[in-house]
N, C-alpha and C. Protein backbone atom coordinates (compact mmCIF):
# COMPACT_ATOMS: atom_id res chain seq x y z
N MET A 1 76.85 96.21 61.13
CA MET A 1 77.27 97.62 61.14
C MET A 1 78.02 97.93 59.84
N ASN A 2 77.52 98.95 59.08
CA ASN A 2 78.20 99.27 57.83
C ASN A 2 79.51 100.00 58.08
N THR A 3 80.31 100.12 57.03
CA THR A 3 81.66 100.68 57.16
C THR A 3 81.65 102.11 57.68
N GLU A 4 80.70 102.92 57.20
CA GLU A 4 80.65 104.33 57.59
C GLU A 4 80.36 104.49 59.08
N ILE A 5 79.40 103.71 59.58
CA ILE A 5 79.07 103.77 61.00
C ILE A 5 80.23 103.26 61.84
N PHE A 6 80.90 102.19 61.36
CA PHE A 6 82.06 101.64 62.07
C PHE A 6 83.16 102.69 62.21
N LYS A 7 83.45 103.39 61.11
CA LYS A 7 84.46 104.46 61.15
C LYS A 7 84.06 105.56 62.13
N ARG A 8 82.77 105.90 62.12
CA ARG A 8 82.25 106.95 63.00
C ARG A 8 82.43 106.57 64.47
N VAL A 9 82.13 105.32 64.79
CA VAL A 9 82.24 104.84 66.18
C VAL A 9 83.70 104.83 66.63
N ILE A 10 84.57 104.29 65.80
CA ILE A 10 86.00 104.20 66.15
C ILE A 10 86.59 105.59 66.33
N SER A 11 86.27 106.51 65.42
CA SER A 11 86.77 107.89 65.53
C SER A 11 86.31 108.53 66.83
N SER A 12 85.04 108.30 67.18
CA SER A 12 84.49 108.88 68.41
C SER A 12 85.19 108.32 69.64
N ILE A 13 85.44 107.00 69.64
CA ILE A 13 86.10 106.34 70.78
C ILE A 13 87.49 106.94 71.01
N ILE A 14 88.16 107.31 69.93
CA ILE A 14 89.51 107.87 70.04
C ILE A 14 89.47 109.36 70.37
N LEU A 15 88.63 110.10 69.66
CA LEU A 15 88.66 111.56 69.74
C LEU A 15 88.00 112.14 70.98
N ILE A 16 86.92 111.52 71.46
CA ILE A 16 86.22 112.08 72.62
C ILE A 16 87.11 112.07 73.87
N PRO A 17 87.74 110.93 74.23
CA PRO A 17 88.64 110.96 75.40
C PRO A 17 89.82 111.93 75.21
N LEU A 18 90.35 111.99 73.99
CA LEU A 18 91.48 112.88 73.71
C LEU A 18 91.07 114.33 73.90
N SER A 19 89.89 114.69 73.37
CA SER A 19 89.38 116.06 73.52
C SER A 19 89.14 116.39 74.99
N LEU A 20 88.56 115.45 75.72
CA LEU A 20 88.28 115.67 77.15
C LEU A 20 89.57 115.87 77.94
N PHE A 21 90.62 115.16 77.54
CA PHE A 21 91.91 115.32 78.21
C PHE A 21 92.39 116.77 78.12
N PHE A 22 92.37 117.34 76.92
CA PHE A 22 92.82 118.71 76.73
C PHE A 22 91.91 119.71 77.43
N ILE A 23 90.60 119.44 77.40
CA ILE A 23 89.64 120.35 78.06
C ILE A 23 89.85 120.35 79.57
N PHE A 24 89.99 119.17 80.16
CA PHE A 24 90.13 119.07 81.61
C PHE A 24 91.49 119.58 82.09
N LYS A 25 92.53 119.39 81.28
CA LYS A 25 93.87 119.86 81.67
C LYS A 25 93.91 121.38 81.71
N GLY A 26 93.18 122.03 80.78
CA GLY A 26 93.16 123.49 80.77
C GLY A 26 94.51 124.09 80.44
N SER A 27 94.67 125.37 80.76
CA SER A 27 95.93 126.09 80.61
C SER A 27 96.52 125.90 79.21
N PHE A 28 97.83 125.62 79.13
CA PHE A 28 98.53 125.51 77.86
C PHE A 28 97.94 124.42 76.97
N PHE A 29 97.55 123.30 77.57
CA PHE A 29 97.01 122.17 76.80
C PHE A 29 95.73 122.57 76.08
N PHE A 30 94.83 123.23 76.81
CA PHE A 30 93.56 123.61 76.22
C PHE A 30 93.74 124.69 75.16
N VAL A 31 94.59 125.67 75.44
CA VAL A 31 94.83 126.75 74.47
C VAL A 31 95.42 126.18 73.18
N SER A 32 96.36 125.26 73.30
CA SER A 32 96.97 124.63 72.12
C SER A 32 95.93 123.85 71.33
N PHE A 33 95.11 123.10 72.05
CA PHE A 33 94.04 122.31 71.44
C PHE A 33 93.06 123.22 70.70
N LEU A 34 92.67 124.31 71.36
CA LEU A 34 91.72 125.25 70.78
C LEU A 34 92.31 125.93 69.54
N LEU A 35 93.60 126.27 69.60
CA LEU A 35 94.27 126.92 68.48
C LEU A 35 94.32 126.00 67.26
N VAL A 36 94.62 124.73 67.48
CA VAL A 36 94.67 123.77 66.37
C VAL A 36 93.28 123.64 65.73
N LEU A 37 92.24 123.51 66.56
CA LEU A 37 90.87 123.41 66.04
C LEU A 37 90.48 124.67 65.28
N PHE A 38 90.89 125.82 65.80
CA PHE A 38 90.57 127.10 65.15
C PHE A 38 91.21 127.18 63.77
N LEU A 39 92.49 126.87 63.68
CA LEU A 39 93.21 126.95 62.41
C LEU A 39 92.64 125.98 61.38
N LEU A 40 92.30 124.78 61.83
CA LEU A 40 91.70 123.79 60.92
C LEU A 40 90.31 124.23 60.47
N SER A 41 89.55 124.83 61.37
CA SER A 41 88.21 125.33 61.04
C SER A 41 88.28 126.46 60.02
N ILE A 42 89.21 127.37 60.23
CA ILE A 42 89.41 128.49 59.30
C ILE A 42 89.83 127.97 57.93
N TYR A 43 90.72 127.00 57.94
CA TYR A 43 91.19 126.39 56.69
C TYR A 43 90.02 125.77 55.93
N GLU A 44 89.20 124.99 56.62
CA GLU A 44 88.06 124.33 55.98
C GLU A 44 87.03 125.35 55.49
N TRP A 45 86.80 126.38 56.31
CA TRP A 45 85.82 127.40 55.91
C TRP A 45 86.28 128.15 54.67
N TYR A 46 87.58 128.41 54.57
CA TYR A 46 88.10 129.12 53.39
C TYR A 46 87.78 128.35 52.11
N PHE A 47 88.02 127.06 52.11
CA PHE A 47 87.77 126.27 50.90
C PHE A 47 86.28 126.03 50.67
N LEU A 48 85.50 126.14 51.73
CA LEU A 48 84.06 125.98 51.60
C LEU A 48 83.41 127.25 51.04
N ALA A 49 83.98 128.40 51.42
CA ALA A 49 83.31 129.68 51.10
C ALA A 49 84.15 130.64 50.27
N LYS A 50 85.27 130.18 49.71
CA LYS A 50 86.14 131.09 48.97
C LYS A 50 85.39 131.72 47.79
N LYS A 51 85.71 133.01 47.58
CA LYS A 51 85.11 133.81 46.51
C LYS A 51 83.61 134.03 46.71
N ARG A 52 83.13 133.80 47.94
CA ARG A 52 81.72 134.04 48.26
C ARG A 52 81.62 135.26 49.18
N LYS A 53 80.45 135.89 49.16
CA LYS A 53 80.25 137.09 49.98
C LYS A 53 80.29 136.79 51.47
N TYR A 54 79.97 135.56 51.84
CA TYR A 54 79.89 135.21 53.26
C TYR A 54 81.21 134.67 53.82
N LEU A 55 82.29 134.75 53.03
CA LEU A 55 83.59 134.26 53.49
C LEU A 55 84.06 134.99 54.75
N VAL A 56 84.10 136.33 54.68
CA VAL A 56 84.58 137.13 55.81
C VAL A 56 83.65 137.06 57.02
N PRO A 57 82.32 137.21 56.85
CA PRO A 57 81.42 137.04 58.01
C PRO A 57 81.60 135.68 58.68
N GLY A 58 81.86 134.64 57.88
CA GLY A 58 82.09 133.32 58.44
C GLY A 58 83.35 133.28 59.28
N PHE A 59 84.42 133.90 58.77
CA PHE A 59 85.67 134.00 59.52
C PHE A 59 85.43 134.69 60.87
N LEU A 60 84.66 135.78 60.83
CA LEU A 60 84.40 136.56 62.05
C LEU A 60 83.60 135.75 63.06
N LEU A 61 82.58 135.02 62.58
CA LEU A 61 81.76 134.21 63.48
C LEU A 61 82.58 133.09 64.12
N ILE A 62 83.38 132.41 63.31
CA ILE A 62 84.22 131.33 63.84
C ILE A 62 85.20 131.88 64.87
N SER A 63 85.81 133.02 64.58
CA SER A 63 86.76 133.64 65.50
C SER A 63 86.08 134.02 66.81
N LEU A 64 84.91 134.65 66.71
CA LEU A 64 84.16 135.04 67.91
C LEU A 64 83.81 133.82 68.75
N SER A 65 83.38 132.77 68.11
CA SER A 65 82.98 131.56 68.82
C SER A 65 84.15 130.96 69.59
N PHE A 66 85.32 130.91 68.98
CA PHE A 66 86.49 130.35 69.66
C PHE A 66 86.95 131.24 70.81
N ILE A 67 86.84 132.55 70.62
CA ILE A 67 87.20 133.48 71.71
C ILE A 67 86.27 133.27 72.91
N LEU A 68 84.98 133.15 72.64
CA LEU A 68 84.01 132.95 73.72
C LEU A 68 84.18 131.58 74.38
N ALA A 69 84.55 130.57 73.58
CA ALA A 69 84.81 129.24 74.14
C ALA A 69 86.00 129.30 75.10
N TYR A 70 87.04 130.02 74.69
CA TYR A 70 88.21 130.19 75.56
C TYR A 70 87.83 130.92 76.84
N TYR A 71 87.06 132.00 76.69
CA TYR A 71 86.64 132.79 77.85
C TYR A 71 85.82 131.94 78.83
N LEU A 72 84.91 131.16 78.28
CA LEU A 72 84.03 130.34 79.11
C LEU A 72 84.83 129.27 79.86
N ARG A 73 85.77 128.61 79.16
CA ARG A 73 86.59 127.59 79.81
C ARG A 73 87.50 128.21 80.86
N LYS A 74 88.04 129.38 80.57
CA LYS A 74 88.91 130.06 81.52
C LYS A 74 88.14 130.44 82.79
N ASN A 75 86.86 130.75 82.61
CA ASN A 75 86.03 131.17 83.73
C ASN A 75 85.58 130.00 84.60
N GLY A 76 85.74 128.78 84.10
CA GLY A 76 85.34 127.61 84.87
C GLY A 76 85.04 126.43 83.96
N LEU A 77 85.37 125.25 84.46
CA LEU A 77 85.19 124.03 83.67
C LEU A 77 83.73 123.60 83.58
N THR A 78 82.98 123.78 84.67
CA THR A 78 81.63 123.21 84.77
C THR A 78 80.71 123.66 83.64
N GLU A 79 80.53 124.97 83.49
CA GLU A 79 79.60 125.45 82.47
C GLU A 79 80.07 125.15 81.06
N PHE A 80 81.37 125.20 80.86
CA PHE A 80 81.90 124.86 79.54
C PHE A 80 81.54 123.43 79.18
N MET A 81 81.71 122.51 80.13
CA MET A 81 81.40 121.10 79.89
C MET A 81 79.90 120.87 79.71
N ILE A 82 79.09 121.63 80.45
CA ILE A 82 77.63 121.50 80.29
C ILE A 82 77.24 121.80 78.85
N ILE A 83 77.76 122.91 78.32
CA ILE A 83 77.42 123.32 76.95
C ILE A 83 77.94 122.30 75.93
N ILE A 84 79.17 121.83 76.12
CA ILE A 84 79.74 120.83 75.23
C ILE A 84 78.90 119.55 75.24
N LEU A 85 78.51 119.11 76.43
CA LEU A 85 77.73 117.88 76.55
C LEU A 85 76.34 118.02 75.92
N ILE A 86 75.73 119.18 76.07
CA ILE A 86 74.42 119.41 75.43
C ILE A 86 74.56 119.28 73.92
N CYS A 87 75.61 119.88 73.36
CA CYS A 87 75.85 119.81 71.91
C CYS A 87 76.13 118.38 71.47
N ILE A 88 76.93 117.65 72.24
CA ILE A 88 77.26 116.26 71.89
C ILE A 88 76.02 115.39 71.92
N PHE A 89 75.22 115.51 72.99
CA PHE A 89 74.02 114.66 73.10
C PHE A 89 72.92 115.10 72.14
N THR A 90 72.93 116.35 71.75
CA THR A 90 72.03 116.80 70.68
C THR A 90 72.36 116.08 69.39
N ASP A 91 73.65 116.00 69.09
CA ASP A 91 74.11 115.32 67.88
C ASP A 91 73.81 113.82 67.94
N ILE A 92 74.10 113.21 69.09
CA ILE A 92 73.85 111.77 69.26
C ILE A 92 72.36 111.46 69.14
N GLY A 93 71.54 112.26 69.81
CA GLY A 93 70.09 112.04 69.78
C GLY A 93 69.51 112.22 68.40
N GLY A 94 69.96 113.25 67.69
CA GLY A 94 69.46 113.50 66.34
C GLY A 94 69.82 112.37 65.40
N TYR A 95 71.07 111.91 65.49
CA TYR A 95 71.54 110.84 64.60
C TYR A 95 70.83 109.52 64.92
N THR A 96 70.76 109.17 66.21
CA THR A 96 70.18 107.89 66.62
C THR A 96 68.68 107.81 66.35
N PHE A 97 67.94 108.83 66.79
CA PHE A 97 66.49 108.83 66.60
C PHE A 97 66.14 108.92 65.11
N GLY A 98 66.93 109.71 64.37
CA GLY A 98 66.70 109.83 62.93
C GLY A 98 66.88 108.50 62.21
N LYS A 99 67.92 107.75 62.61
CA LYS A 99 68.18 106.44 62.00
C LYS A 99 67.12 105.42 62.38
N LEU A 100 66.70 105.46 63.67
CA LEU A 100 65.75 104.46 64.17
C LEU A 100 64.33 104.69 63.68
N PHE A 101 63.88 105.95 63.75
CA PHE A 101 62.47 106.23 63.50
C PHE A 101 62.20 106.90 62.15
N LYS A 102 63.25 107.47 61.55
CA LYS A 102 63.12 108.13 60.25
C LYS A 102 61.95 109.12 60.26
N GLY A 103 61.01 109.00 59.32
CA GLY A 103 59.86 109.91 59.32
C GLY A 103 60.07 111.10 58.41
N PRO A 104 59.18 112.12 58.52
CA PRO A 104 59.23 113.29 57.64
C PRO A 104 60.55 114.05 57.75
N LYS A 105 61.00 114.57 56.61
CA LYS A 105 62.24 115.35 56.58
C LYS A 105 62.01 116.72 57.22
N LEU A 106 63.01 117.16 57.96
CA LEU A 106 62.93 118.45 58.63
C LEU A 106 63.15 119.60 57.66
N THR A 107 64.07 119.41 56.72
CA THR A 107 64.40 120.45 55.74
C THR A 107 65.04 119.83 54.51
N LYS A 108 64.86 120.48 53.38
CA LYS A 108 65.48 120.01 52.13
C LYS A 108 66.98 120.30 52.12
N ILE A 109 67.41 121.25 52.93
CA ILE A 109 68.82 121.64 52.97
C ILE A 109 69.69 120.46 53.41
N SER A 110 69.21 119.74 54.43
CA SER A 110 69.94 118.58 54.95
C SER A 110 69.00 117.39 54.98
N PRO A 111 69.00 116.57 53.93
CA PRO A 111 68.03 115.48 53.77
C PRO A 111 68.02 114.46 54.91
N ASN A 112 69.13 114.34 55.65
CA ASN A 112 69.19 113.37 56.74
C ASN A 112 68.52 113.86 58.02
N LYS A 113 68.17 115.15 58.06
CA LYS A 113 67.51 115.71 59.24
C LYS A 113 66.01 115.41 59.20
N THR A 114 65.51 114.83 60.30
CA THR A 114 64.09 114.48 60.38
C THR A 114 63.48 115.07 61.65
N TYR A 115 62.15 115.09 61.69
CA TYR A 115 61.46 115.57 62.89
C TYR A 115 61.71 114.63 64.06
N SER A 116 61.84 113.33 63.78
CA SER A 116 62.15 112.38 64.86
C SER A 116 63.53 112.67 65.43
N GLY A 117 64.47 113.05 64.55
CA GLY A 117 65.80 113.43 65.01
C GLY A 117 65.78 114.68 65.86
N LEU A 118 64.95 115.65 65.47
CA LEU A 118 64.80 116.89 66.22
C LEU A 118 64.30 116.60 67.64
N ILE A 119 63.25 115.79 67.73
CA ILE A 119 62.68 115.44 69.03
C ILE A 119 63.69 114.64 69.85
N GLY A 120 64.37 113.70 69.18
CA GLY A 120 65.38 112.89 69.86
C GLY A 120 66.51 113.73 70.42
N SER A 121 66.90 114.75 69.69
CA SER A 121 67.97 115.65 70.14
C SER A 121 67.58 116.36 71.43
N LEU A 122 66.34 116.83 71.49
CA LEU A 122 65.86 117.52 72.69
C LEU A 122 65.77 116.57 73.87
N ILE A 123 65.28 115.36 73.61
CA ILE A 123 65.14 114.36 74.68
C ILE A 123 66.50 113.99 75.27
N THR A 124 67.45 113.67 74.40
CA THR A 124 68.77 113.22 74.90
C THR A 124 69.53 114.34 75.59
N SER A 125 69.42 115.58 75.09
CA SER A 125 70.12 116.69 75.73
C SER A 125 69.52 116.99 77.11
N LEU A 126 68.20 116.89 77.23
CA LEU A 126 67.54 117.11 78.53
C LEU A 126 67.90 115.98 79.51
N LEU A 127 67.89 114.74 79.03
CA LEU A 127 68.25 113.61 79.89
C LEU A 127 69.70 113.72 80.37
N ALA A 128 70.59 114.13 79.47
CA ALA A 128 72.00 114.30 79.84
C ALA A 128 72.14 115.38 80.91
N PHE A 129 71.36 116.46 80.77
CA PHE A 129 71.43 117.54 81.75
C PHE A 129 70.89 117.09 83.11
N ILE A 130 69.80 116.32 83.11
CA ILE A 130 69.24 115.80 84.35
C ILE A 130 70.25 114.89 85.06
N CYS A 131 70.93 114.05 84.29
CA CYS A 131 71.97 113.19 84.86
C CYS A 131 73.10 114.03 85.47
N LEU A 132 73.42 115.12 84.80
CA LEU A 132 74.47 116.01 85.28
C LEU A 132 74.06 116.69 86.59
N ILE A 133 72.80 117.08 86.70
CA ILE A 133 72.29 117.67 87.94
C ILE A 133 72.46 116.69 89.10
N ASN A 134 72.01 115.46 88.88
CA ASN A 134 72.10 114.44 89.93
C ASN A 134 73.55 114.12 90.29
N TYR A 135 74.40 114.06 89.26
CA TYR A 135 75.82 113.79 89.52
C TYR A 135 76.45 114.89 90.35
N SER A 136 76.11 116.15 90.03
CA SER A 136 76.68 117.29 90.76
C SER A 136 76.25 117.29 92.22
N ARG A 137 75.05 116.77 92.51
CA ARG A 137 74.55 116.73 93.89
C ARG A 137 75.18 115.59 94.68
N TRP A 138 75.43 114.48 94.01
CA TRP A 138 76.03 113.33 94.70
C TRP A 138 77.54 113.50 94.86
N ASN A 139 78.15 114.29 93.99
CA ASN A 139 79.61 114.46 94.02
C ASN A 139 79.98 115.94 94.07
N SER A 140 79.31 116.67 94.94
CA SER A 140 79.49 118.13 94.99
C SER A 140 80.93 118.52 95.32
N GLU A 141 81.63 117.68 96.12
CA GLU A 141 83.01 118.02 96.49
C GLU A 141 83.96 117.91 95.31
N GLN A 142 83.58 117.12 94.28
CA GLN A 142 84.43 116.97 93.09
C GLN A 142 84.02 117.93 91.98
N PHE A 143 82.92 118.62 92.19
CA PHE A 143 82.37 119.46 91.13
C PHE A 143 82.82 120.90 91.31
N GLU A 144 83.37 121.45 90.26
CA GLU A 144 83.81 122.85 90.28
C GLU A 144 82.59 123.74 90.03
N ILE A 145 82.11 124.41 91.08
CA ILE A 145 80.91 125.24 90.95
C ILE A 145 81.31 126.70 90.79
N ASN A 146 81.21 127.16 89.58
CA ASN A 146 81.48 128.57 89.27
C ASN A 146 80.54 128.95 88.14
N LEU A 147 79.28 129.17 88.49
CA LEU A 147 78.22 129.24 87.49
C LEU A 147 77.75 130.67 87.23
N ASN A 148 77.58 130.99 85.95
CA ASN A 148 77.01 132.27 85.54
C ASN A 148 75.72 132.09 84.75
N PHE A 149 75.65 131.01 83.98
CA PHE A 149 74.50 130.78 83.11
C PHE A 149 73.51 129.78 83.71
N PHE A 150 74.03 128.70 84.26
CA PHE A 150 73.19 127.63 84.78
C PHE A 150 73.14 127.66 86.30
N GLU A 151 72.07 127.10 86.85
CA GLU A 151 71.94 126.96 88.30
C GLU A 151 72.11 125.51 88.73
N LEU A 152 72.19 124.60 87.74
CA LEU A 152 72.23 123.15 87.98
C LEU A 152 71.08 122.73 88.89
N SER A 153 69.88 123.10 88.45
CA SER A 153 68.66 122.78 89.20
C SER A 153 67.58 122.36 88.21
N TYR A 154 66.42 122.01 88.74
CA TYR A 154 65.30 121.65 87.89
C TYR A 154 64.43 122.86 87.57
N GLY A 155 65.04 124.04 87.61
CA GLY A 155 64.30 125.27 87.36
C GLY A 155 64.01 125.52 85.89
N ILE A 156 63.08 126.42 85.64
CA ILE A 156 62.66 126.75 84.27
C ILE A 156 63.82 127.32 83.46
N GLN A 157 64.64 128.18 84.09
CA GLN A 157 65.73 128.82 83.35
C GLN A 157 66.71 127.79 82.80
N ASP A 158 67.08 126.82 83.61
CA ASP A 158 68.04 125.81 83.16
C ASP A 158 67.49 124.98 82.00
N PHE A 159 66.24 124.51 82.13
CA PHE A 159 65.66 123.68 81.07
C PHE A 159 65.42 124.49 79.80
N THR A 160 65.09 125.77 79.97
CA THR A 160 64.93 126.65 78.81
C THR A 160 66.26 126.80 78.08
N LEU A 161 67.33 127.00 78.85
CA LEU A 161 68.67 127.12 78.25
C LEU A 161 69.07 125.85 77.51
N VAL A 162 68.82 124.71 78.11
CA VAL A 162 69.18 123.43 77.48
C VAL A 162 68.45 123.28 76.15
N ILE A 163 67.15 123.55 76.14
CA ILE A 163 66.35 123.42 74.92
C ILE A 163 66.83 124.40 73.85
N LEU A 164 67.08 125.64 74.25
CA LEU A 164 67.53 126.65 73.29
C LEU A 164 68.91 126.32 72.73
N ILE A 165 69.81 125.86 73.60
CA ILE A 165 71.16 125.47 73.14
C ILE A 165 71.06 124.31 72.16
N SER A 166 70.22 123.33 72.47
CA SER A 166 70.03 122.19 71.58
C SER A 166 69.48 122.64 70.22
N LEU A 167 68.51 123.53 70.24
CA LEU A 167 67.92 124.02 68.98
C LEU A 167 68.93 124.83 68.17
N VAL A 168 69.72 125.66 68.85
CA VAL A 168 70.74 126.45 68.16
C VAL A 168 71.80 125.53 67.55
N SER A 169 72.18 124.50 68.31
CA SER A 169 73.18 123.54 67.80
C SER A 169 72.68 122.86 66.54
N GLN A 170 71.41 122.46 66.54
CA GLN A 170 70.84 121.82 65.35
C GLN A 170 70.73 122.81 64.19
N SER A 171 70.40 124.05 64.51
CA SER A 171 70.30 125.10 63.47
C SER A 171 71.66 125.36 62.85
N GLY A 172 72.71 125.38 63.69
CA GLY A 172 74.07 125.56 63.18
C GLY A 172 74.47 124.46 62.23
N ASP A 173 74.08 123.25 62.57
CA ASP A 173 74.34 122.09 61.71
C ASP A 173 73.68 122.28 60.34
N ILE A 174 72.43 122.73 60.36
CA ILE A 174 71.68 122.93 59.11
C ILE A 174 72.27 124.08 58.29
N ILE A 175 72.68 125.15 58.97
CA ILE A 175 73.27 126.30 58.27
C ILE A 175 74.55 125.90 57.55
N ILE A 176 75.43 125.17 58.24
CA ILE A 176 76.67 124.72 57.61
C ILE A 176 76.35 123.75 56.46
N SER A 177 75.31 122.93 56.64
CA SER A 177 74.87 122.03 55.56
C SER A 177 74.45 122.82 54.33
N TYR A 178 73.82 123.97 54.56
CA TYR A 178 73.40 124.85 53.46
C TYR A 178 74.63 125.35 52.67
N PHE A 179 75.67 125.76 53.41
CA PHE A 179 76.88 126.24 52.74
C PHE A 179 77.60 125.10 52.01
N LYS A 180 77.55 123.91 52.58
CA LYS A 180 78.14 122.75 51.91
C LYS A 180 77.39 122.46 50.61
N ARG A 181 76.09 122.64 50.67
CA ARG A 181 75.28 122.39 49.47
C ARG A 181 75.62 123.41 48.38
N LEU A 182 75.82 124.66 48.78
CA LEU A 182 76.20 125.69 47.81
C LEU A 182 77.56 125.37 47.19
N ALA A 183 78.46 124.82 48.01
CA ALA A 183 79.80 124.48 47.52
C ALA A 183 79.83 123.12 46.82
N LYS A 184 78.68 122.41 46.86
CA LYS A 184 78.54 121.09 46.22
C LYS A 184 79.52 120.06 46.78
N VAL A 185 79.63 120.07 48.12
CA VAL A 185 80.46 119.07 48.80
C VAL A 185 79.63 118.40 49.89
N LYS A 186 79.98 117.16 50.22
CA LYS A 186 79.26 116.43 51.26
C LYS A 186 79.74 116.83 52.65
N ASN A 187 81.06 116.99 52.79
CA ASN A 187 81.67 117.33 54.08
C ASN A 187 82.60 118.53 53.92
N THR A 188 82.92 119.17 55.05
CA THR A 188 83.84 120.32 55.00
C THR A 188 85.29 119.85 54.87
N GLY A 189 85.54 118.58 55.11
CA GLY A 189 86.88 118.02 54.99
C GLY A 189 86.81 116.51 55.15
N ASN A 190 87.95 115.87 55.24
CA ASN A 190 87.98 114.41 55.42
C ASN A 190 88.99 114.00 56.49
N LEU A 191 89.22 114.91 57.42
CA LEU A 191 90.23 114.67 58.45
C LEU A 191 89.80 113.56 59.42
N ILE A 192 88.49 113.50 59.72
CA ILE A 192 88.00 112.54 60.71
C ILE A 192 87.21 111.44 60.01
N PRO A 193 87.71 110.22 59.97
CA PRO A 193 87.00 109.12 59.29
C PRO A 193 85.59 108.92 59.83
N GLY A 194 84.62 108.87 58.93
CA GLY A 194 83.23 108.66 59.32
C GLY A 194 82.50 109.92 59.72
N HIS A 195 83.23 111.00 59.92
CA HIS A 195 82.62 112.26 60.36
C HIS A 195 82.81 113.40 59.36
N GLY A 196 83.90 113.38 58.63
CA GLY A 196 84.20 114.48 57.71
C GLY A 196 85.29 115.36 58.26
N GLY A 197 85.05 116.67 58.23
CA GLY A 197 86.04 117.64 58.70
C GLY A 197 85.75 118.12 60.11
N ILE A 198 86.60 119.04 60.58
CA ILE A 198 86.41 119.62 61.91
C ILE A 198 85.10 120.40 61.98
N LEU A 199 84.81 121.19 60.95
CA LEU A 199 83.56 121.97 60.93
C LEU A 199 82.32 121.08 60.95
N ASP A 200 82.44 119.89 60.38
CA ASP A 200 81.31 118.96 60.41
C ASP A 200 80.99 118.53 61.84
N ARG A 201 81.99 118.54 62.71
CA ARG A 201 81.81 118.11 64.10
C ARG A 201 81.45 119.26 65.02
N ILE A 202 81.93 120.46 64.73
CA ILE A 202 81.71 121.56 65.67
C ILE A 202 80.79 122.64 65.10
N ASP A 203 80.12 122.33 63.99
CA ASP A 203 79.27 123.34 63.34
C ASP A 203 78.22 123.91 64.30
N GLY A 204 77.59 123.02 65.09
CA GLY A 204 76.59 123.50 66.05
C GLY A 204 77.21 124.38 67.12
N MET A 205 78.38 123.99 67.62
CA MET A 205 79.04 124.73 68.70
C MET A 205 79.45 126.13 68.27
N ILE A 206 79.80 126.29 67.00
CA ILE A 206 80.19 127.60 66.49
C ILE A 206 79.07 128.62 66.68
N PHE A 207 77.83 128.16 66.54
CA PHE A 207 76.69 129.04 66.73
C PHE A 207 76.23 129.08 68.19
N VAL A 208 76.53 128.03 68.93
CA VAL A 208 76.07 127.93 70.32
C VAL A 208 76.78 128.92 71.24
N PHE A 209 78.11 129.00 71.16
CA PHE A 209 78.84 129.84 72.11
C PHE A 209 78.41 131.31 72.07
N PRO A 210 78.31 131.94 70.89
CA PRO A 210 77.79 133.32 70.88
C PRO A 210 76.34 133.38 71.36
N SER A 211 75.54 132.38 71.00
CA SER A 211 74.12 132.38 71.35
C SER A 211 73.89 132.26 72.85
N VAL A 212 74.76 131.51 73.54
CA VAL A 212 74.61 131.34 74.98
C VAL A 212 74.64 132.68 75.69
N PHE A 213 75.56 133.54 75.27
CA PHE A 213 75.67 134.86 75.89
C PHE A 213 74.45 135.72 75.57
N ILE A 214 73.96 135.63 74.34
CA ILE A 214 72.77 136.39 73.94
C ILE A 214 71.53 135.89 74.70
N ILE A 215 71.37 134.56 74.76
CA ILE A 215 70.23 133.96 75.46
C ILE A 215 70.24 134.35 76.94
N TYR A 216 71.42 134.25 77.54
CA TYR A 216 71.53 134.59 78.97
C TYR A 216 71.15 136.05 79.21
N PHE A 217 71.59 136.93 78.32
CA PHE A 217 71.28 138.35 78.45
C PHE A 217 69.77 138.58 78.35
N ILE A 218 69.12 137.92 77.39
CA ILE A 218 67.67 138.08 77.21
C ILE A 218 66.90 137.54 78.41
N LEU A 219 67.31 136.37 78.92
CA LEU A 219 66.62 135.76 80.05
C LEU A 219 66.76 136.58 81.33
N ASN A 220 67.79 137.41 81.37
CA ASN A 220 68.03 138.19 82.59
C ASN A 220 67.72 139.68 82.43
N LEU A 221 66.97 140.02 81.39
CA LEU A 221 66.54 141.41 81.23
C LEU A 221 65.57 141.81 82.34
């Protein structure tokens, strides 16, 4: 295992449980956690996009995304966690399948993105959702059911949402990579060893939260 992957694994082992603690605790803990992430994201975006035309639109999008994330978590833990898990497993699938199978590049904007990674992202996010469905059925008394977007079933709407969220998350990653390329930097920051900055970790989610509401509206027209 090379040094970069080792740092990535160790950071994940520390940060994922810590993040889950704040998310599950909710209330003051979650708001404080969200506020810290928001301020760090704004800080990183400023240095990534300063003196550019897209600086203010970026601020607005990041702000909207955090507001919607807060609203979604306040409305219930279940759907918030579903969306977070889809984004996480999209990232894991893309990275793992891309490293294992390599193959044709998906885009010149982000050279590490491959078609195998794209397919892997969809596979892992769907598998994670299927596991979540089964878990919710076996442990229904422990599951907070307050659903607006998902039905937690094997229906077309749920699988369509999972696929669309995964694709949006990957698109968000590529879009932020484009801005990093314009700024001639590899990462948005160096706060997280092996990962880069906060925006490097939540780039997909920034686009996912607004998109979830748009997708849901379209599916229910």
